[in-house]
Amino acid sequence: MTWINLQEAKTHLSRYLDRVEAGETIVLCRHNRPIAEVRPIRAARPPRKFGIDEGKLEVPPEFFDPLPDDVLRSFAGEAPLHNGYDQPGPASDPGVPSASSN
């Protein structure tokens, strides 16, 4: 990574752009303070092919069944959370299991 002041960049812009095209990152400075970075643009990815995972996943018919009423009430905020406790506790509550305790 090369740091250059704006005057230097204006004077030799083509030279520095050649270096950027070669993969180098240039940091532009004003009074020796960095203000911008000029870096190469990554090559565009080829578009993804549709259907590449066809047949690799099976969705069971039950997936499309209506959700139970208690789950729907939970989404609407009308029922307690299904975490084994009556009320949700703060993350620091020792009675509430954390993700790391599994």
N, C-alpha and C. Protein backbone atom coordinates (compact mmCIF):
# COMPACT_ATOMS: atom_id res chain seq x y z
N MET A 1 0.85 -1.17 0.00
CA MET A 1 0.00 0.00 0.00
C MET A 1 0.90 1.23 0.00
N THR A 2 0.61 2.14 -0.90
CA THR A 2 1.41 3.35 -1.05
C THR A 2 0.59 4.56 -0.62
N TRP A 3 1.20 5.44 0.16
CA TRP A 3 0.55 6.68 0.57
C TRP A 3 1.15 7.82 -0.24
N ILE A 4 0.29 8.64 -0.84
CA ILE A 4 0.78 9.80 -1.60
C ILE A 4 -0.08 11.01 -1.30
N ASN A 5 0.54 12.18 -1.38
CA ASN A 5 -0.22 13.42 -1.20
C ASN A 5 -0.93 13.78 -2.49
N LEU A 6 -1.97 14.60 -2.37
CA LEU A 6 -2.81 14.94 -3.53
C LEU A 6 -2.01 15.56 -4.67
N GLN A 7 -1.08 16.43 -4.37
CA GLN A 7 -0.31 17.07 -5.43
C GLN A 7 0.46 16.03 -6.24
N GLU A 8 1.05 15.07 -5.55
CA GLU A 8 1.76 13.98 -6.21
C GLU A 8 0.80 13.16 -7.07
N ALA A 9 -0.39 12.89 -6.55
CA ALA A 9 -1.38 12.11 -7.30
C ALA A 9 -1.81 12.85 -8.56
N LYS A 10 -2.04 14.16 -8.45
CA LYS A 10 -2.45 14.94 -9.63
C LYS A 10 -1.34 14.98 -10.68
N THR A 11 -0.12 15.10 -10.22
CA THR A 11 1.01 15.19 -11.15
C THR A 11 1.26 13.89 -11.88
N HIS A 12 1.10 12.76 -11.20
CA HIS A 12 1.44 11.46 -11.79
C HIS A 12 0.27 10.48 -11.75
N LEU A 13 -0.93 10.97 -12.01
CA LEU A 13 -2.13 10.15 -11.91
C LEU A 13 -2.05 8.89 -12.76
N SER A 14 -1.64 9.02 -14.00
CA SER A 14 -1.57 7.85 -14.89
C SER A 14 -0.65 6.78 -14.32
N ARG A 15 0.49 7.19 -13.81
CA ARG A 15 1.45 6.25 -13.24
C ARG A 15 0.83 5.48 -12.07
N TYR A 16 0.12 6.21 -11.19
CA TYR A 16 -0.49 5.55 -10.04
C TYR A 16 -1.67 4.67 -10.44
N LEU A 17 -2.42 5.08 -11.45
CA LEU A 17 -3.52 4.24 -11.92
C LEU A 17 -3.00 2.94 -12.53
N ASP A 18 -1.84 2.99 -13.17
CA ASP A 18 -1.23 1.75 -13.68
C ASP A 18 -0.93 0.80 -12.52
N ARG A 19 -0.46 1.35 -11.41
CA ARG A 19 -0.15 0.52 -10.25
C ARG A 19 -1.43 -0.04 -9.63
N VAL A 20 -2.49 0.75 -9.64
CA VAL A 20 -3.78 0.26 -9.12
C VAL A 20 -4.28 -0.87 -10.01
N GLU A 21 -4.18 -0.72 -11.31
CA GLU A 21 -4.60 -1.78 -12.23
C GLU A 21 -3.81 -3.06 -11.99
N ALA A 22 -2.57 -2.92 -11.55
CA ALA A 22 -1.72 -4.08 -11.27
C ALA A 22 -2.06 -4.72 -9.92
N GLY A 23 -2.99 -4.12 -9.18
CA GLY A 23 -3.43 -4.72 -7.92
C GLY A 23 -3.07 -3.96 -6.66
N GLU A 24 -2.34 -2.87 -6.78
CA GLU A 24 -1.90 -2.13 -5.60
C GLU A 24 -3.00 -1.18 -5.12
N THR A 25 -3.01 -0.92 -3.82
CA THR A 25 -3.92 0.06 -3.23
C THR A 25 -3.13 1.33 -2.95
N ILE A 26 -3.69 2.47 -3.34
CA ILE A 26 -3.05 3.76 -3.13
C ILE A 26 -3.90 4.55 -2.13
N VAL A 27 -3.26 5.11 -1.10
CA VAL A 27 -3.95 5.95 -0.13
C VAL A 27 -3.62 7.40 -0.46
N LEU A 28 -4.67 8.18 -0.71
CA LEU A 28 -4.49 9.61 -0.99
C LEU A 28 -4.53 10.38 0.32
N CYS A 29 -3.57 11.31 0.47
CA CYS A 29 -3.44 12.08 1.71
C CYS A 29 -3.51 13.57 1.42
N ARG A 30 -4.02 14.30 2.39
CA ARG A 30 -3.98 15.76 2.36
C ARG A 30 -3.19 16.16 3.60
N HIS A 31 -2.07 16.83 3.39
CA HIS A 31 -1.18 17.22 4.49
C HIS A 31 -0.79 15.99 5.32
N ASN A 32 -0.46 14.91 4.63
CA ASN A 32 -0.01 13.65 5.22
C ASN A 32 -1.08 12.96 6.08
N ARG A 33 -2.34 13.32 5.88
CA ARG A 33 -3.44 12.65 6.58
C ARG A 33 -4.26 11.89 5.54
N PRO A 34 -4.47 10.60 5.72
CA PRO A 34 -5.22 9.83 4.72
C PRO A 34 -6.66 10.30 4.61
N ILE A 35 -7.10 10.45 3.35
CA ILE A 35 -8.48 10.89 3.12
C ILE A 35 -9.24 9.95 2.18
N ALA A 36 -8.54 9.15 1.40
CA ALA A 36 -9.23 8.26 0.47
C ALA A 36 -8.31 7.11 0.09
N GLU A 37 -8.94 6.05 -0.37
CA GLU A 37 -8.20 4.89 -0.84
C GLU A 37 -8.62 4.61 -2.28
N VAL A 38 -7.65 4.37 -3.13
CA VAL A 38 -7.94 3.98 -4.52
C VAL A 38 -7.43 2.56 -4.65
N ARG A 39 -8.35 1.66 -4.98
CA ARG A 39 -7.97 0.24 -5.09
C ARG A 39 -8.65 -0.37 -6.30
N PRO A 40 -8.12 -1.48 -6.76
CA PRO A 40 -8.71 -2.12 -7.94
C PRO A 40 -10.11 -2.65 -7.64
N ILE A 41 -10.93 -2.64 -8.66
CA ILE A 41 -12.27 -3.22 -8.55
C ILE A 41 -12.15 -4.71 -8.81
N ARG A 42 -12.74 -5.49 -7.92
CA ARG A 42 -12.69 -6.94 -8.10
C ARG A 42 -13.47 -7.34 -9.35
N ALA A 43 -13.01 -8.39 -9.98
CA ALA A 43 -13.69 -8.89 -11.17
C ALA A 43 -15.09 -9.35 -10.78
N ALA A 44 -16.03 -9.09 -11.67
CA ALA A 44 -17.41 -9.48 -11.41
C ALA A 44 -17.54 -11.00 -11.42
N ARG A 45 -18.35 -11.50 -10.52
CA ARG A 45 -18.61 -12.94 -10.47
C ARG A 45 -19.52 -13.32 -11.63
N PRO A 46 -19.35 -14.51 -12.15
CA PRO A 46 -20.30 -14.96 -13.17
C PRO A 46 -21.66 -15.15 -12.51
N PRO A 47 -22.73 -14.95 -13.24
CA PRO A 47 -24.06 -15.10 -12.64
C PRO A 47 -24.27 -16.54 -12.18
N ARG A 48 -25.01 -16.69 -11.10
CA ARG A 48 -25.30 -18.02 -10.57
C ARG A 48 -26.32 -18.72 -11.46
N LYS A 49 -26.14 -20.01 -11.58
CA LYS A 49 -27.06 -20.79 -12.39
C LYS A 49 -28.28 -21.15 -11.57
N PHE A 50 -29.45 -20.95 -12.15
CA PHE A 50 -30.69 -21.26 -11.48
C PHE A 50 -30.89 -22.78 -11.46
N GLY A 51 -31.31 -23.30 -10.32
CA GLY A 51 -31.61 -24.73 -10.23
C GLY A 51 -30.41 -25.61 -9.97
N ILE A 52 -29.29 -25.04 -9.56
CA ILE A 52 -28.07 -25.82 -9.38
C ILE A 52 -28.22 -26.90 -8.30
N ASP A 53 -29.10 -26.66 -7.31
CA ASP A 53 -29.30 -27.63 -6.24
C ASP A 53 -30.58 -28.43 -6.40
N GLU A 54 -31.12 -28.43 -7.58
CA GLU A 54 -32.37 -29.15 -7.80
C GLU A 54 -32.20 -30.62 -7.43
N GLY A 55 -33.17 -31.13 -6.65
CA GLY A 55 -33.14 -32.53 -6.24
C GLY A 55 -32.32 -32.81 -5.00
N LYS A 56 -31.62 -31.82 -4.47
CA LYS A 56 -30.77 -32.03 -3.29
C LYS A 56 -31.53 -31.80 -1.98
N LEU A 57 -32.71 -31.23 -2.04
CA LEU A 57 -33.47 -30.90 -0.85
C LEU A 57 -34.90 -31.36 -1.05
N GLU A 58 -35.41 -32.02 -0.03
CA GLU A 58 -36.81 -32.46 -0.10
C GLU A 58 -37.59 -31.75 0.99
N VAL A 59 -38.64 -31.07 0.61
CA VAL A 59 -39.51 -30.39 1.57
C VAL A 59 -40.68 -31.32 1.83
N PRO A 60 -40.85 -31.77 3.09
CA PRO A 60 -41.95 -32.68 3.39
C PRO A 60 -43.30 -31.97 3.27
N PRO A 61 -44.36 -32.68 2.97
CA PRO A 61 -45.68 -32.06 2.81
C PRO A 61 -46.13 -31.33 4.07
N GLU A 62 -45.71 -31.79 5.28
CA GLU A 62 -46.13 -31.14 6.53
C GLU A 62 -45.64 -29.70 6.62
N PHE A 63 -44.62 -29.37 5.87
CA PHE A 63 -44.06 -28.01 5.89
C PHE A 63 -45.14 -26.99 5.54
N PHE A 64 -46.07 -27.37 4.70
CA PHE A 64 -47.10 -26.45 4.22
C PHE A 64 -48.36 -26.47 5.08
N ASP A 65 -48.39 -27.29 6.13
CA ASP A 65 -49.54 -27.32 7.03
C ASP A 65 -49.61 -26.00 7.80
N PRO A 66 -50.83 -25.58 8.19
CA PRO A 66 -50.95 -24.36 8.99
C PRO A 66 -50.22 -24.52 10.33
N LEU A 67 -49.70 -23.41 10.83
CA LEU A 67 -49.01 -23.43 12.12
C LEU A 67 -50.03 -23.59 13.25
N PRO A 68 -49.63 -24.21 14.36
CA PRO A 68 -50.54 -24.33 15.51
C PRO A 68 -50.90 -22.94 16.05
N ASP A 69 -52.08 -22.85 16.68
CA ASP A 69 -52.56 -21.57 17.20
C ASP A 69 -51.60 -20.93 18.20
N ASP A 70 -50.97 -21.72 19.07
CA ASP A 70 -50.07 -21.14 20.07
C ASP A 70 -48.85 -20.49 19.41
N VAL A 71 -48.37 -21.07 18.32
CA VAL A 71 -47.24 -20.49 17.60
C VAL A 71 -47.67 -19.19 16.91
N LEU A 72 -48.85 -19.19 16.32
CA LEU A 72 -49.35 -17.97 15.68
C LEU A 72 -49.54 -16.86 16.71
N ARG A 73 -50.05 -17.20 17.91
CA ARG A 73 -50.21 -16.20 18.97
C ARG A 73 -48.84 -15.65 19.40
N SER A 74 -47.82 -16.51 19.43
CA SER A 74 -46.47 -16.05 19.80
C SER A 74 -45.95 -15.04 18.79
N PHE A 75 -46.18 -15.29 17.49
CA PHE A 75 -45.75 -14.33 16.46
C PHE A 75 -46.47 -13.00 16.62
N ALA A 76 -47.70 -13.05 17.07
CA ALA A 76 -48.49 -11.83 17.24
C ALA A 76 -48.20 -11.16 18.58
N GLY A 77 -47.34 -11.78 19.43
CA GLY A 77 -47.00 -11.21 20.72
C GLY A 77 -48.07 -11.44 21.76
N GLU A 78 -48.96 -12.39 21.55
CA GLU A 78 -50.08 -12.63 22.46
C GLU A 78 -49.84 -13.81 23.39
N ALA A 79 -48.73 -14.52 23.23
CA ALA A 79 -48.48 -15.70 24.06
C ALA A 79 -47.03 -15.65 24.56
N PRO A 80 -46.74 -16.31 25.68
CA PRO A 80 -45.35 -16.32 26.17
C PRO A 80 -44.44 -17.05 25.21
N LEU A 81 -43.17 -16.74 25.32
CA LEU A 81 -42.18 -17.41 24.49
C LEU A 81 -42.10 -18.88 24.87
N HIS A 82 -41.76 -19.72 23.95
CA HIS A 82 -41.63 -21.15 24.20
C HIS A 82 -40.19 -21.50 24.51
N ASN A 83 -39.68 -20.91 25.62
CA ASN A 83 -38.30 -21.20 25.99
C ASN A 83 -38.21 -21.95 27.31
N GLY A 84 -39.35 -22.49 27.77
CA GLY A 84 -39.35 -23.24 29.02
C GLY A 84 -39.57 -22.36 30.24
N TYR A 85 -39.76 -21.06 30.05
CA TYR A 85 -39.98 -20.13 31.14
C TYR A 85 -41.23 -19.31 30.85
N ASP A 86 -41.86 -18.79 31.91
CA ASP A 86 -43.08 -18.01 31.70
C ASP A 86 -42.78 -16.67 31.05
N GLN A 87 -41.68 -16.04 31.44
CA GLN A 87 -41.35 -14.71 30.92
C GLN A 87 -39.93 -14.72 30.36
N PRO A 88 -39.70 -13.98 29.28
CA PRO A 88 -38.32 -13.88 28.80
C PRO A 88 -37.49 -13.09 29.79
N GLY A 89 -36.27 -13.53 30.04
CA GLY A 89 -35.40 -12.84 30.97
C GLY A 89 -34.27 -12.16 30.24
N PRO A 90 -33.55 -11.27 30.92
CA PRO A 90 -32.39 -10.63 30.27
C PRO A 90 -31.31 -11.67 30.00
N ALA A 91 -30.42 -11.35 29.10
CA ALA A 91 -29.35 -12.27 28.71
C ALA A 91 -28.49 -12.65 29.90
N SER A 92 -28.38 -11.76 30.90
CA SER A 92 -27.54 -12.05 32.06
C SER A 92 -28.26 -12.89 33.10
N ASP A 93 -29.55 -13.17 32.92
CA ASP A 93 -30.33 -13.96 33.87
C ASP A 93 -29.80 -15.39 33.88
N PRO A 94 -29.28 -15.89 35.01
CA PRO A 94 -28.71 -17.24 35.03
C PRO A 94 -29.77 -18.32 34.78
N GLY A 95 -31.05 -17.99 34.92
CA GLY A 95 -32.10 -18.97 34.67
C GLY A 95 -32.44 -19.13 33.22
N VAL A 96 -31.93 -18.26 32.37
CA VAL A 96 -32.23 -18.33 30.94
C VAL A 96 -31.05 -18.96 30.23
N PRO A 97 -31.28 -20.07 29.53
CA PRO A 97 -30.15 -20.72 28.85
C PRO A 97 -29.60 -19.82 27.75
N SER A 98 -28.29 -19.83 27.60
CA SER A 98 -27.66 -19.04 26.55
C SER A 98 -27.33 -19.95 25.38
N ALA A 99 -27.01 -19.35 24.24
CA ALA A 99 -26.65 -20.11 23.05
C ALA A 99 -25.39 -20.93 23.28
N SER A 100 -24.50 -20.45 24.15
CA SER A 100 -23.24 -21.15 24.39
C SER A 100 -23.39 -22.33 25.33
N SER A 101 -24.56 -22.47 25.99
CA SER A 101 -24.72 -23.56 26.94
C SER A 101 -25.20 -24.84 26.29
N ASN A 102 -25.37 -24.85 24.99
CA ASN A 102 -25.84 -26.05 24.29
C ASN A 102 -24.72 -27.01 24.03
